[in-house]
């Protein structure tokens, strides 16, 4: 992704709980250089790997979220597994917000 805005959401009354279901696949935002992504649901593994400028909001991720990320901003609302290299990640779990920074990890 190099720009623009992408909103991914299930239809109304989908028959499953969106925040508990993976709705975007593995490697979403891999190598992104811009744009914004908003996901109503979870992302698969390696979400925003090598992201350099994109911004994203997602309701959970699989393993290795934000690995080798060098820029941009990712907000994860819920469960995540992170391998943050260099950038900023905001995580909201149970009404608490944590700021994850590779030099000052406060999780």
N, C-alpha and C. Protein backbone atom coordinates (compact mmCIF):
# COMPACT_ATOMS: atom_id res chain seq x y z
N UNK A 1 0.85 -1.17 0.00
CA UNK A 1 0.00 0.00 0.00
C UNK A 1 0.89 1.23 0.00
N UNK A 2 0.57 2.17 -0.87
CA UNK A 2 1.39 3.37 -0.98
C UNK A 2 0.60 4.64 -0.69
N UNK A 3 -0.69 4.52 -0.41
CA UNK A 3 -1.51 5.69 -0.12
C UNK A 3 -2.98 5.31 -0.10
N UNK A 4 -3.81 6.27 0.19
CA UNK A 4 -5.25 6.03 0.22
C UNK A 4 -5.73 5.56 1.57
N UNK A 5 -6.99 5.16 1.60
CA UNK A 5 -7.62 4.70 2.84
C UNK A 5 -8.40 3.42 2.55
N UNK A 6 -8.22 2.44 3.43
CA UNK A 6 -8.89 1.15 3.27
C UNK A 6 -9.63 0.83 4.57
N UNK A 7 -10.92 0.54 4.46
CA UNK A 7 -11.73 0.16 5.61
C UNK A 7 -12.25 -1.25 5.35
N UNK A 8 -11.96 -2.18 6.27
CA UNK A 8 -12.39 -3.57 6.12
C UNK A 8 -13.31 -3.89 7.29
N UNK A 9 -14.55 -4.28 6.98
CA UNK A 9 -15.52 -4.60 8.02
C UNK A 9 -16.48 -5.66 7.49
N UNK A 10 -16.94 -6.56 8.38
CA UNK A 10 -17.93 -7.55 7.95
C UNK A 10 -19.29 -6.87 7.78
N UNK A 11 -20.23 -7.53 7.11
CA UNK A 11 -21.57 -6.97 6.98
C UNK A 11 -22.27 -6.94 8.34
N UNK A 12 -23.36 -6.23 8.43
CA UNK A 12 -24.14 -6.22 9.68
C UNK A 12 -24.63 -7.62 10.01
N UNK A 13 -24.66 -7.95 11.28
CA UNK A 13 -25.09 -9.26 11.77
C UNK A 13 -24.42 -10.42 11.02
N UNK A 14 -23.09 -10.50 11.09
CA UNK A 14 -22.37 -11.51 10.31
C UNK A 14 -22.49 -12.93 10.83
N UNK A 15 -23.00 -13.13 12.04
CA UNK A 15 -23.11 -14.47 12.60
C UNK A 15 -21.87 -14.89 13.37
N UNK A 16 -20.91 -13.98 13.51
CA UNK A 16 -19.71 -14.23 14.32
C UNK A 16 -19.30 -12.93 14.98
N UNK A 17 -18.45 -13.02 15.96
CA UNK A 17 -17.98 -11.84 16.68
C UNK A 17 -16.76 -11.27 15.94
N UNK A 18 -16.88 -10.14 15.26
CA UNK A 18 -15.78 -9.62 14.44
C UNK A 18 -14.45 -9.45 15.19
N UNK A 19 -14.50 -9.01 16.44
CA UNK A 19 -13.24 -8.81 17.17
C UNK A 19 -12.54 -10.11 17.53
N UNK A 20 -13.22 -11.24 17.37
CA UNK A 20 -12.61 -12.54 17.64
C UNK A 20 -12.24 -13.29 16.36
N UNK A 21 -12.55 -12.73 15.21
CA UNK A 21 -12.33 -13.42 13.94
C UNK A 21 -11.25 -12.73 13.11
N UNK A 22 -10.41 -13.51 12.48
CA UNK A 22 -9.41 -12.96 11.57
C UNK A 22 -10.12 -12.58 10.27
N UNK A 23 -10.07 -11.29 9.95
CA UNK A 23 -10.81 -10.79 8.80
C UNK A 23 -9.90 -10.31 7.67
N UNK A 24 -8.64 -10.01 7.99
CA UNK A 24 -7.64 -9.71 6.96
C UNK A 24 -6.51 -10.71 7.10
N UNK A 25 -5.94 -11.11 6.00
CA UNK A 25 -4.98 -12.20 5.98
C UNK A 25 -3.57 -11.86 6.45
N UNK A 26 -2.74 -12.86 6.33
CA UNK A 26 -1.33 -12.72 6.70
C UNK A 26 -0.64 -11.71 5.79
N UNK A 27 0.34 -11.05 6.31
CA UNK A 27 1.19 -10.07 5.62
C UNK A 27 0.45 -8.83 5.12
N UNK A 28 -0.69 -8.53 5.66
CA UNK A 28 -1.40 -7.29 5.32
C UNK A 28 -0.50 -6.11 5.72
N UNK A 29 -0.34 -5.14 4.88
CA UNK A 29 0.52 -3.97 5.04
C UNK A 29 2.00 -4.31 4.98
N UNK A 30 2.36 -5.44 4.45
CA UNK A 30 3.77 -5.81 4.33
C UNK A 30 4.46 -4.80 3.41
N UNK A 31 5.43 -4.08 3.94
CA UNK A 31 6.19 -3.12 3.16
C UNK A 31 5.42 -1.87 2.76
N UNK A 32 4.35 -1.54 3.47
CA UNK A 32 3.54 -0.37 3.13
C UNK A 32 4.34 0.92 3.25
N UNK A 33 4.12 1.84 2.34
CA UNK A 33 4.83 3.11 2.36
C UNK A 33 3.89 4.30 2.55
N UNK A 34 2.63 4.06 2.86
CA UNK A 34 1.70 5.15 3.10
C UNK A 34 0.27 4.67 3.17
N UNK A 35 -0.62 5.57 3.51
CA UNK A 35 -2.04 5.27 3.57
C UNK A 35 -2.51 4.92 4.96
N UNK A 36 -3.81 4.65 5.05
CA UNK A 36 -4.45 4.32 6.32
C UNK A 36 -5.32 3.09 6.14
N UNK A 37 -5.30 2.20 7.17
CA UNK A 37 -6.10 0.99 7.15
C UNK A 37 -6.86 0.89 8.46
N UNK A 38 -8.16 0.62 8.37
CA UNK A 38 -9.00 0.45 9.54
C UNK A 38 -9.69 -0.91 9.42
N UNK A 39 -9.46 -1.80 10.40
CA UNK A 39 -9.97 -3.16 10.31
C UNK A 39 -10.89 -3.46 11.48
N UNK A 40 -12.14 -3.85 11.19
CA UNK A 40 -13.11 -4.28 12.21
C UNK A 40 -12.99 -5.79 12.34
N UNK A 41 -12.00 -6.21 13.11
CA UNK A 41 -11.68 -7.62 13.28
C UNK A 41 -10.18 -7.77 13.46
N UNK A 42 -9.72 -9.00 13.47
CA UNK A 42 -8.30 -9.26 13.69
C UNK A 42 -7.57 -9.42 12.36
N UNK A 43 -6.25 -9.22 12.44
CA UNK A 43 -5.37 -9.45 11.29
C UNK A 43 -4.62 -10.75 11.51
N UNK A 44 -4.21 -11.37 10.42
CA UNK A 44 -3.43 -12.59 10.51
C UNK A 44 -2.01 -12.30 10.97
N UNK A 45 -1.15 -13.27 10.80
CA UNK A 45 0.24 -13.13 11.23
C UNK A 45 0.99 -12.11 10.37
N UNK A 46 1.99 -11.52 10.97
CA UNK A 46 2.91 -10.59 10.31
C UNK A 46 2.21 -9.32 9.79
N UNK A 47 1.26 -8.82 10.53
CA UNK A 47 0.56 -7.59 10.17
C UNK A 47 1.54 -6.42 10.25
N UNK A 48 1.60 -5.61 9.23
CA UNK A 48 2.42 -4.39 9.15
C UNK A 48 3.93 -4.66 9.23
N UNK A 49 4.35 -5.85 8.81
CA UNK A 49 5.79 -6.13 8.77
C UNK A 49 6.44 -5.23 7.73
N UNK A 50 7.56 -4.66 8.08
CA UNK A 50 8.31 -3.73 7.21
C UNK A 50 7.50 -2.49 6.80
N UNK A 51 6.48 -2.17 7.59
CA UNK A 51 5.72 -0.94 7.37
C UNK A 51 6.65 0.24 7.56
N UNK A 52 6.59 1.21 6.66
CA UNK A 52 7.46 2.36 6.83
C UNK A 52 6.70 3.67 7.02
N UNK A 53 5.48 3.79 6.53
CA UNK A 53 4.75 5.05 6.71
C UNK A 53 3.24 4.89 6.91
N UNK A 54 2.69 3.72 6.72
CA UNK A 54 1.23 3.55 6.83
C UNK A 54 0.76 3.64 8.28
N UNK A 55 -0.50 4.00 8.43
CA UNK A 55 -1.15 4.05 9.74
C UNK A 55 -2.27 3.02 9.74
N UNK A 56 -2.46 2.34 10.89
CA UNK A 56 -3.47 1.29 10.93
C UNK A 56 -4.11 1.17 12.30
N UNK A 57 -5.37 0.74 12.30
CA UNK A 57 -6.09 0.38 13.51
C UNK A 57 -6.69 -0.99 13.25
N UNK A 58 -6.46 -1.94 14.18
CA UNK A 58 -6.93 -3.31 14.02
C UNK A 58 -7.32 -3.85 15.39
N UNK A 59 -8.22 -4.83 15.44
CA UNK A 59 -8.73 -5.33 16.72
C UNK A 59 -8.00 -6.58 17.21
N UNK A 60 -6.78 -6.76 16.83
CA UNK A 60 -5.97 -7.89 17.28
C UNK A 60 -5.11 -8.37 16.13
N UNK A 61 -4.04 -9.07 16.43
CA UNK A 61 -3.14 -9.55 15.38
C UNK A 61 -2.60 -10.93 15.74
N UNK A 62 -2.05 -11.58 14.74
CA UNK A 62 -1.35 -12.84 14.96
C UNK A 62 0.10 -12.56 15.36
N UNK A 63 0.93 -13.57 15.23
CA UNK A 63 2.34 -13.46 15.61
C UNK A 63 3.09 -12.46 14.74
N UNK A 64 4.11 -11.87 15.32
CA UNK A 64 5.09 -11.01 14.64
C UNK A 64 4.52 -9.71 14.10
N UNK A 65 3.53 -9.17 14.75
CA UNK A 65 2.98 -7.87 14.37
C UNK A 65 4.08 -6.81 14.40
N UNK A 66 4.14 -6.00 13.37
CA UNK A 66 5.05 -4.85 13.28
C UNK A 66 6.53 -5.21 13.26
N UNK A 67 6.86 -6.41 12.91
CA UNK A 67 8.26 -6.80 12.84
C UNK A 67 8.98 -5.96 11.78
N UNK A 68 10.14 -5.46 12.12
CA UNK A 68 10.96 -4.63 11.23
C UNK A 68 10.26 -3.36 10.77
N UNK A 69 9.27 -2.90 11.50
CA UNK A 69 8.56 -1.67 11.16
C UNK A 69 9.47 -0.47 11.43
N UNK A 70 9.64 0.41 10.45
CA UNK A 70 10.56 1.53 10.60
C UNK A 70 9.87 2.88 10.67
N UNK A 71 8.56 2.90 10.55
CA UNK A 71 7.82 4.16 10.60
C UNK A 71 6.34 3.88 10.61
N UNK A 72 5.56 4.94 10.55
CA UNK A 72 4.11 4.77 10.60
C UNK A 72 3.64 4.58 12.03
N UNK A 73 2.38 4.22 12.17
CA UNK A 73 1.79 4.02 13.50
C UNK A 73 0.73 2.93 13.40
N UNK A 74 0.75 2.00 14.34
CA UNK A 74 -0.23 0.92 14.39
C UNK A 74 -0.89 0.93 15.76
N UNK A 75 -2.22 0.90 15.78
CA UNK A 75 -2.98 0.80 17.02
C UNK A 75 -3.67 -0.55 17.02
N UNK A 76 -3.37 -1.37 18.03
CA UNK A 76 -3.97 -2.69 18.15
C UNK A 76 -4.92 -2.65 19.34
N UNK A 77 -6.20 -2.94 19.09
CA UNK A 77 -7.20 -2.95 20.14
C UNK A 77 -7.43 -4.40 20.55
N UNK A 78 -6.69 -4.89 21.49
CA UNK A 78 -6.85 -6.27 21.93
C UNK A 78 -5.59 -7.07 21.84
N UNK A 79 -5.75 -8.38 21.67
CA UNK A 79 -4.63 -9.31 21.70
C UNK A 79 -3.67 -9.11 20.52
N UNK A 80 -2.40 -9.20 20.83
CA UNK A 80 -1.38 -9.07 19.79
C UNK A 80 -0.12 -9.80 20.22
N UNK A 81 0.69 -10.11 19.26
CA UNK A 81 2.03 -10.63 19.51
C UNK A 81 2.93 -9.77 18.66
N UNK A 82 3.89 -9.11 19.28
CA UNK A 82 4.67 -8.09 18.57
C UNK A 82 6.15 -8.43 18.55
N UNK A 83 6.76 -8.07 17.47
CA UNK A 83 8.21 -8.15 17.34
C UNK A 83 8.69 -6.79 16.85
N UNK A 84 8.38 -5.77 17.57
CA UNK A 84 8.64 -4.39 17.15
C UNK A 84 10.14 -4.13 17.05
N UNK A 85 10.55 -3.54 15.96
CA UNK A 85 11.96 -3.24 15.74
C UNK A 85 12.25 -1.76 15.98
N UNK A 86 11.51 -0.89 15.31
CA UNK A 86 11.81 0.53 15.43
C UNK A 86 10.61 1.35 14.99
N UNK A 87 9.81 1.79 15.90
CA UNK A 87 8.68 2.66 15.60
C UNK A 87 7.80 2.74 16.84
N UNK A 88 6.54 3.08 16.66
CA UNK A 88 5.62 3.22 17.78
C UNK A 88 4.40 2.34 17.54
N UNK A 89 3.97 1.66 18.60
CA UNK A 89 2.80 0.80 18.55
C UNK A 89 1.96 1.11 19.78
N UNK A 90 0.68 1.38 19.58
CA UNK A 90 -0.23 1.58 20.70
C UNK A 90 -1.09 0.35 20.84
N UNK A 91 -1.24 -0.14 22.06
CA UNK A 91 -2.01 -1.35 22.31
C UNK A 91 -3.03 -1.06 23.41
N UNK A 92 -4.29 -1.39 23.15
CA UNK A 92 -5.34 -1.19 24.15
C UNK A 92 -5.88 -2.56 24.54
N UNK A 93 -5.68 -2.94 25.80
CA UNK A 93 -6.17 -4.22 26.32
C UNK A 93 -6.92 -3.94 27.62
N UNK A 94 -8.14 -4.38 27.68
CA UNK A 94 -8.96 -4.23 28.89
C UNK A 94 -8.98 -2.79 29.41
N UNK A 95 -9.25 -1.87 28.52
CA UNK A 95 -9.37 -0.45 28.85
C UNK A 95 -8.08 0.19 29.34
N UNK A 96 -6.94 -0.47 29.13
CA UNK A 96 -5.64 0.11 29.45
C UNK A 96 -4.89 0.28 28.14
N UNK A 97 -4.19 1.38 28.00
CA UNK A 97 -3.43 1.63 26.78
C UNK A 97 -1.95 1.57 27.11
N UNK A 98 -1.21 0.83 26.31
CA UNK A 98 0.22 0.68 26.50
C UNK A 98 0.93 1.27 25.29
N UNK A 99 2.04 1.91 25.54
CA UNK A 99 2.86 2.43 24.46
C UNK A 99 4.08 1.52 24.35
N UNK A 100 4.22 0.88 23.21
CA UNK A 100 5.36 0.01 22.99
C UNK A 100 6.35 0.75 22.11
N UNK A 101 7.55 0.87 22.57
CA UNK A 101 8.63 1.52 21.83
C UNK A 101 9.84 0.62 21.99
N UNK A 102 10.60 0.37 20.96
CA UNK A 102 11.70 -0.57 21.07
C UNK A 102 12.75 -0.20 22.11
N UNK A 103 12.87 1.08 22.41
CA UNK A 103 13.87 1.50 23.39
C UNK A 103 13.29 1.59 24.80
N UNK A 104 11.96 1.62 24.90
CA UNK A 104 11.32 1.79 26.19
C UNK A 104 10.01 1.00 26.18
N UNK A 105 10.10 -0.28 26.29
CA UNK A 105 8.93 -1.15 26.22
C UNK A 105 8.19 -1.15 27.55
N UNK A 106 6.92 -0.77 27.54
CA UNK A 106 6.17 -0.65 28.79
C UNK A 106 4.96 -1.55 28.81
N UNK A 107 5.12 -2.80 28.38
CA UNK A 107 3.99 -3.71 28.35
C UNK A 107 3.97 -4.58 29.59
